[in-house]
Amino acid sequence: MTHMTTDIQLNLEDADGFYEQLLDAHLDLSDKESALLNAKLILVMANAIGNSAALARCLAAAKA
């Protein structure tokens, strides 16, 4: 498997704060509910990004 280099860099103003919010959002959820939340979050974030090339880079970075 070949790994792609991407230009994805940390851009979050408060990465630790977001991570804490993400963990809190999953509290008390079943595995199924947690997976559904992740799927919904991915679609909401993809819509917010809105750029197909940027989304392709995000997918590549996540798979690396």
PDB file of N, CA and C in Angstrom:
ATOM      1  N   MET A   1       0.836  -1.172   0.000  1.00  0.00           N
ATOM      2  CA  MET A   1       0.000   0.000   0.000  1.00  0.00           C
ATOM      3  C   MET A   1       0.884   1.240   0.000  1.00  0.00           C
ATOM      4  N   THR A   2       0.654   2.147  -0.903  1.00  0.00           N
ATOM      5  CA  THR A   2       1.411   3.383  -0.999  1.00  0.00           C
ATOM      6  C   THR A   2       0.720   4.460  -0.184  1.00  0.00           C
ATOM      7  N   HIS A   3       1.503   5.159   0.634  1.00  0.00           N
ATOM      8  CA  HIS A   3       0.945   6.253   1.425  1.00  0.00           C
ATOM      9  C   HIS A   3       1.139   7.565   0.691  1.00  0.00           C
ATOM     10  N   MET A   4       0.070   8.359   0.619  1.00  0.00           N
ATOM     11  CA  MET A   4       0.108   9.654  -0.030  1.00  0.00           C
ATOM     12  C   MET A   4       0.503  10.723   0.968  1.00  0.00           C
ATOM     13  N   THR A   5       1.349  11.639   0.559  1.00  0.00           N
ATOM     14  CA  THR A   5       1.635  12.805   1.376  1.00  0.00           C
ATOM     15  C   THR A   5       0.579  13.851   1.078  1.00  0.00           C
ATOM     16  N   THR A   6       0.061  14.464   2.111  1.00  0.00           N
ATOM     17  CA  THR A   6      -0.946  15.501   1.919  1.00  0.00           C
ATOM     18  C   THR A   6      -0.465  16.795   2.544  1.00  0.00           C
ATOM     19  N   ASP A   7      -1.162  17.867   2.237  1.00  0.00           N
ATOM     20  CA  ASP A   7      -0.830  19.153   2.840  1.00  0.00           C
ATOM     21  C   ASP A   7      -1.744  19.463   4.018  1.00  0.00           C
ATOM     22  N   ILE A   8      -2.316  18.418   4.607  1.00  0.00           N
ATOM     23  CA  ILE A   8      -3.194  18.596   5.751  1.00  0.00           C
ATOM     24  C   ILE A   8      -2.329  18.944   6.964  1.00  0.00           C
ATOM     25  N   GLN A   9      -2.589  20.093   7.546  1.00  0.00           N
ATOM     26  CA  GLN A   9      -1.874  20.536   8.737  1.00  0.00           C
ATOM     27  C   GLN A   9      -2.889  20.893   9.807  1.00  0.00           C
ATOM     28  N   LEU A  10      -2.438  20.914  11.050  1.00  0.00           N
ATOM     29  CA  LEU A  10      -3.323  21.260  12.153  1.00  0.00           C
ATOM     30  C   LEU A  10      -3.752  22.712  12.024  1.00  0.00           C
ATOM     31  N   ASN A  11      -5.045  22.931  11.848  1.00  0.00           N
ATOM     32  CA  ASN A  11      -5.602  24.270  11.707  1.00  0.00           C
ATOM     33  C   ASN A  11      -6.586  24.616  12.813  1.00  0.00           C
ATOM     34  N   LEU A  12      -6.827  23.683  13.716  1.00  0.00           N
ATOM     35  CA  LEU A  12      -7.799  23.930  14.779  1.00  0.00           C
ATOM     36  C   LEU A  12      -7.240  24.928  15.784  1.00  0.00           C
ATOM     37  N   GLU A  13      -8.049  25.922  16.128  1.00  0.00           N
ATOM     38  CA  GLU A  13      -7.631  26.892  17.135  1.00  0.00           C
ATOM     39  C   GLU A  13      -7.466  26.219  18.495  1.00  0.00           C
ATOM     40  N   ASP A  14      -8.348  25.296  18.811  1.00  0.00           N
ATOM     41  CA  ASP A  14      -8.334  24.611  20.104  1.00  0.00           C
ATOM     42  C   ASP A  14      -8.561  23.119  19.868  1.00  0.00           C
ATOM     43  N   ALA A  15      -7.518  22.451  19.386  1.00  0.00           N
ATOM     44  CA  ALA A  15      -7.635  21.030  19.055  1.00  0.00           C
ATOM     45  C   ALA A  15      -8.033  20.203  20.275  1.00  0.00           C
ATOM     46  N   ASP A  16      -7.438  20.497  21.421  1.00  0.00           N
ATOM     47  CA  ASP A  16      -7.769  19.741  22.629  1.00  0.00           C
ATOM     48  C   ASP A  16      -9.222  19.966  23.042  1.00  0.00           C
ATOM     49  N   GLY A  17      -9.690  21.191  22.888  1.00  0.00           N
ATOM     50  CA  GLY A  17     -11.079  21.501  23.215  1.00  0.00           C
ATOM     51  C   GLY A  17     -12.046  20.759  22.308  1.00  0.00           C
ATOM     52  N   PHE A  18     -11.730  20.716  21.007  1.00  0.00           N
ATOM     53  CA  PHE A  18     -12.594  19.980  20.078  1.00  0.00           C
ATOM     54  C   PHE A  18     -12.585  18.493  20.408  1.00  0.00           C
ATOM     55  N   TYR A  19     -11.412  17.950  20.705  1.00  0.00           N
ATOM     56  CA  TYR A  19     -11.315  16.526  21.037  1.00  0.00           C
ATOM     57  C   TYR A  19     -12.166  16.223  22.271  1.00  0.00           C
ATOM     58  N   GLU A  20     -12.123  17.104  23.255  1.00  0.00           N
ATOM     59  CA  GLU A  20     -12.937  16.927  24.460  1.00  0.00           C
ATOM     60  C   GLU A  20     -14.429  16.953  24.118  1.00  0.00           C
ATOM     61  N   GLN A  21     -14.839  17.877  23.251  1.00  0.00           N
ATOM     62  CA  GLN A  21     -16.242  17.943  22.819  1.00  0.00           C
ATOM     63  C   GLN A  21     -16.642  16.667  22.080  1.00  0.00           C
ATOM     64  N   LEU A  22     -15.736  16.165  21.258  1.00  0.00           N
ATOM     65  CA  LEU A  22     -16.011  14.939  20.506  1.00  0.00           C
ATOM     66  C   LEU A  22     -16.200  13.757  21.452  1.00  0.00           C
ATOM     67  N   LEU A  23     -15.307  13.640  22.425  1.00  0.00           N
ATOM     68  CA  LEU A  23     -15.451  12.564  23.407  1.00  0.00           C
ATOM     69  C   LEU A  23     -16.754  12.705  24.190  1.00  0.00           C
ATOM     70  N   ASP A  24     -17.062  13.925  24.608  1.00  0.00           N
ATOM     71  CA  ASP A  24     -18.301  14.164  25.357  1.00  0.00           C
ATOM     72  C   ASP A  24     -19.539  13.802  24.537  1.00  0.00           C
ATOM     73  N   ALA A  25     -19.496  14.068  23.240  1.00  0.00           N
ATOM     74  CA  ALA A  25     -20.640  13.766  22.374  1.00  0.00           C
ATOM     75  C   ALA A  25     -20.915  12.265  22.310  1.00  0.00           C
ATOM     76  N   HIS A  26     -19.888  11.456  22.561  1.00  0.00           N
ATOM     77  CA  HIS A  26     -20.026  10.001  22.470  1.00  0.00           C
ATOM     78  C   HIS A  26     -20.352   9.343  23.812  1.00  0.00           C
ATOM     79  N   LEU A  27     -20.341  10.130  24.883  1.00  0.00           N
ATOM     80  CA  LEU A  27     -20.637   9.563  26.203  1.00  0.00           C
ATOM     81  C   LEU A  27     -22.017   8.920  26.216  1.00  0.00           C
ATOM     82  N   ASP A  28     -22.082   7.761  26.805  1.00  0.00           N
ATOM     83  CA  ASP A  28     -23.344   7.031  27.005  1.00  0.00           C
ATOM     84  C   ASP A  28     -24.015   6.570  25.714  1.00  0.00           C
ATOM     85  N   LEU A  29     -23.304   6.612  24.586  1.00  0.00           N
ATOM     86  CA  LEU A  29     -23.865   6.103  23.333  1.00  0.00           C
ATOM     87  C   LEU A  29     -23.483   4.638  23.163  1.00  0.00           C
ATOM     88  N   SER A  30     -24.368   3.878  22.550  1.00  0.00           N
ATOM     89  CA  SER A  30     -24.033   2.504  22.176  1.00  0.00           C
ATOM     90  C   SER A  30     -23.052   2.554  21.008  1.00  0.00           C
ATOM     91  N   ASP A  31     -22.461   1.433  20.675  1.00  0.00           N
ATOM     92  CA  ASP A  31     -21.557   1.386  19.521  1.00  0.00           C
ATOM     93  C   ASP A  31     -22.277   1.836  18.253  1.00  0.00           C
ATOM     94  N   LYS A  32     -23.517   1.388  18.090  1.00  0.00           N
ATOM     95  CA  LYS A  32     -24.297   1.749  16.904  1.00  0.00           C
ATOM     96  C   LYS A  32     -24.582   3.249  16.877  1.00  0.00           C
ATOM     97  N   GLU A  33     -24.977   3.805  18.014  1.00  0.00           N
ATOM     98  CA  GLU A  33     -25.250   5.245  18.089  1.00  0.00           C
ATOM     99  C   GLU A  33     -23.985   6.066  17.851  1.00  0.00           C
ATOM    100  N   SER A  34     -22.860   5.581  18.364  1.00  0.00           N
ATOM    101  CA  SER A  34     -21.582   6.261  18.172  1.00  0.00           C
ATOM    102  C   SER A  34     -21.178   6.264  16.699  1.00  0.00           C
ATOM    103  N   ALA A  35     -21.359   5.133  16.035  1.00  0.00           N
ATOM    104  CA  ALA A  35     -21.046   5.050  14.602  1.00  0.00           C
ATOM    105  C   ALA A  35     -21.949   5.981  13.798  1.00  0.00           C
ATOM    106  N   LEU A  36     -23.225   6.061  14.172  1.00  0.00           N
ATOM    107  CA  LEU A  36     -24.154   6.954  13.484  1.00  0.00           C
ATOM    108  C   LEU A  36     -23.759   8.414  13.699  1.00  0.00           C
ATOM    109  N   LEU A  37     -23.383   8.769  14.918  1.00  0.00           N
ATOM    110  CA  LEU A  37     -22.919  10.129  15.196  1.00  0.00           C
ATOM    111  C   LEU A  37     -21.698  10.454  14.341  1.00  0.00           C
ATOM    112  N   ASN A  38     -20.744   9.528  14.260  1.00  0.00           N
ATOM    113  CA  ASN A  38     -19.552   9.746  13.428  1.00  0.00           C
ATOM    114  C   ASN A  38     -19.925   9.953  11.970  1.00  0.00           C
ATOM    115  N   ALA A  39     -20.831   9.139  11.459  1.00  0.00           N
ATOM    116  CA  ALA A  39     -21.246   9.270  10.058  1.00  0.00           C
ATOM    117  C   ALA A  39     -21.904  10.622   9.805  1.00  0.00           C
ATOM    118  N   LYS A  40     -22.778  11.032  10.712  1.00  0.00           N
ATOM    119  CA  LYS A  40     -23.441  12.332  10.563  1.00  0.00           C
ATOM    120  C   LYS A  40     -22.427  13.470  10.636  1.00  0.00           C
ATOM    121  N   LEU A  41     -21.495  13.367  11.574  1.00  0.00           N
ATOM    122  CA  LEU A  41     -20.474  14.401  11.729  1.00  0.00           C
ATOM    123  C   LEU A  41     -19.612  14.517  10.480  1.00  0.00           C
ATOM    124  N   ILE A  42     -19.242  13.390   9.895  1.00  0.00           N
ATOM    125  CA  ILE A  42     -18.453  13.399   8.662  1.00  0.00           C
ATOM    126  C   ILE A  42     -19.200  14.127   7.554  1.00  0.00           C
ATOM    127  N   LEU A  43     -20.483  13.834   7.402  1.00  0.00           N
ATOM    128  CA  LEU A  43     -21.266  14.479   6.343  1.00  0.00           C
ATOM    129  C   LEU A  43     -21.446  15.972   6.593  1.00  0.00           C
ATOM    130  N   VAL A  44     -21.666  16.361   7.841  1.00  0.00           N
ATOM    131  CA  VAL A  44     -21.801  17.784   8.169  1.00  0.00           C
ATOM    132  C   VAL A  44     -20.487  18.513   7.895  1.00  0.00           C
ATOM    133  N   MET A  45     -19.365  17.912   8.306  1.00  0.00           N
ATOM    134  CA  MET A  45     -18.058  18.540   8.077  1.00  0.00           C
ATOM    135  C   MET A  45     -17.722  18.590   6.592  1.00  0.00           C
ATOM    136  N   ALA A  46     -18.047  17.535   5.852  1.00  0.00           N
ATOM    137  CA  ALA A  46     -17.797  17.525   4.407  1.00  0.00           C
ATOM    138  C   ALA A  46     -18.578  18.639   3.733  1.00  0.00           C
ATOM    139  N   ASN A  47     -19.809  18.843   4.163  1.00  0.00           N
ATOM    140  CA  ASN A  47     -20.611  19.921   3.605  1.00  0.00           C
ATOM    141  C   ASN A  47     -20.004  21.280   3.948  1.00  0.00           C
ATOM    142  N   ALA A  48     -19.497  21.427   5.169  1.00  0.00           N
ATOM    143  CA  ALA A  48     -18.880  22.687   5.579  1.00  0.00           C
ATOM    144  C   ALA A  48     -17.607  22.962   4.779  1.00  0.00           C
ATOM    145  N   ILE A  49     -16.831  21.921   4.489  1.00  0.00           N
ATOM    146  CA  ILE A  49     -15.612  22.083   3.685  1.00  0.00           C
ATOM    147  C   ILE A  49     -15.993  22.428   2.256  1.00  0.00           C
ATOM    148  N   GLY A  50     -16.867  21.627   1.678  1.00  0.00           N
ATOM    149  CA  GLY A  50     -17.455  21.934   0.382  1.00  0.00           C
ATOM    150  C   GLY A  50     -16.571  21.809  -0.840  1.00  0.00           C
ATOM    151  N   ASN A  51     -15.302  21.518  -0.682  1.00  0.00           N
ATOM    152  CA  ASN A  51     -14.378  21.453  -1.807  1.00  0.00           C
ATOM    153  C   ASN A  51     -13.984  20.003  -2.046  1.00  0.00           C
ATOM    154  N   SER A  52     -14.285  19.481  -3.233  1.00  0.00           N
ATOM    155  CA  SER A  52     -14.037  18.061  -3.531  1.00  0.00           C
ATOM    156  C   SER A  52     -12.571  17.686  -3.425  1.00  0.00           C
ATOM    157  N   ALA A  53     -11.683  18.553  -3.890  1.00  0.00           N
ATOM    158  CA  ALA A  53     -10.248  18.259  -3.821  1.00  0.00           C
ATOM    159  C   ALA A  53      -9.780  18.216  -2.366  1.00  0.00           C
ATOM    160  N   ALA A  54     -10.256  19.141  -1.556  1.00  0.00           N
ATOM    161  CA  ALA A  54      -9.890  19.147  -0.139  1.00  0.00           C
ATOM    162  C   ALA A  54     -10.417  17.896   0.551  1.00  0.00           C
ATOM    163  N   LEU A  55     -11.628  17.492   0.208  1.00  0.00           N
ATOM    164  CA  LEU A  55     -12.199  16.281   0.793  1.00  0.00           C
ATOM    165  C   LEU A  55     -11.411  15.045   0.377  1.00  0.00           C
ATOM    166  N   ALA A  56     -10.959  14.995  -0.860  1.00  0.00           N
ATOM    167  CA  ALA A  56     -10.142  13.870  -1.324  1.00  0.00           C
ATOM    168  C   ALA A  56      -8.834  13.810  -0.536  1.00  0.00           C
ATOM    169  N   ARG A  57      -8.233  14.974  -0.263  1.00  0.00           N
ATOM    170  CA  ARG A  57      -6.997  15.008   0.534  1.00  0.00           C
ATOM    171  C   ARG A  57      -7.264  14.543   1.961  1.00  0.00           C
ATOM    172  N   CYS A  58      -8.408  14.922   2.505  1.00  0.00           N
ATOM    173  CA  CYS A  58      -8.778  14.479   3.851  1.00  0.00           C
ATOM    174  C   CYS A  58      -8.943  12.962   3.904  1.00  0.00           C
ATOM    175  N   LEU A  59      -9.605  12.406   2.914  1.00  0.00           N
ATOM    176  CA  LEU A  59      -9.768  10.949   2.856  1.00  0.00           C
ATOM    177  C   LEU A  59      -8.420  10.252   2.763  1.00  0.00           C
ATOM    178  N   ALA A  60      -7.541  10.777   1.920  1.00  0.00           N
ATOM    179  CA  ALA A  60      -6.208  10.183   1.764  1.00  0.00           C
ATOM    180  C   ALA A  60      -5.430  10.261   3.076  1.00  0.00           C
ATOM    181  N   ALA A  61      -5.518  11.391   3.763  1.00  0.00           N
ATOM    182  CA  ALA A  61      -4.808  11.545   5.033  1.00  0.00           C
ATOM    183  C   ALA A  61      -5.349  10.582   6.080  1.00  0.00           C
ATOM    184  N   ALA A  62      -6.656  10.399   6.104  1.00  0.00           N
ATOM    185  CA  ALA A  62      -7.266   9.498   7.076  1.00  0.00           C
ATOM    186  C   ALA A  62      -6.892   8.042   6.811  1.00  0.00           C
ATOM    187  N   LYS A  63      -6.689   7.688   5.551  1.00  0.00           N
ATOM    188  CA  LYS A  63      -6.338   6.316   5.191  1.00  0.00           C
ATOM    189  C   LYS A  63      -4.856   6.035   5.375  1.00  0.00           C
ATOM    190  N   ALA A  64      -4.040   7.074   5.459  1.00  0.00           N
ATOM    191  CA  ALA A  64      -2.574   6.906   5.554  1.00  0.00           C
ATOM    192  C   ALA A  64      -2.162   6.353   6.901  1.00  0.00           C
TER     193      ALA A  64
END
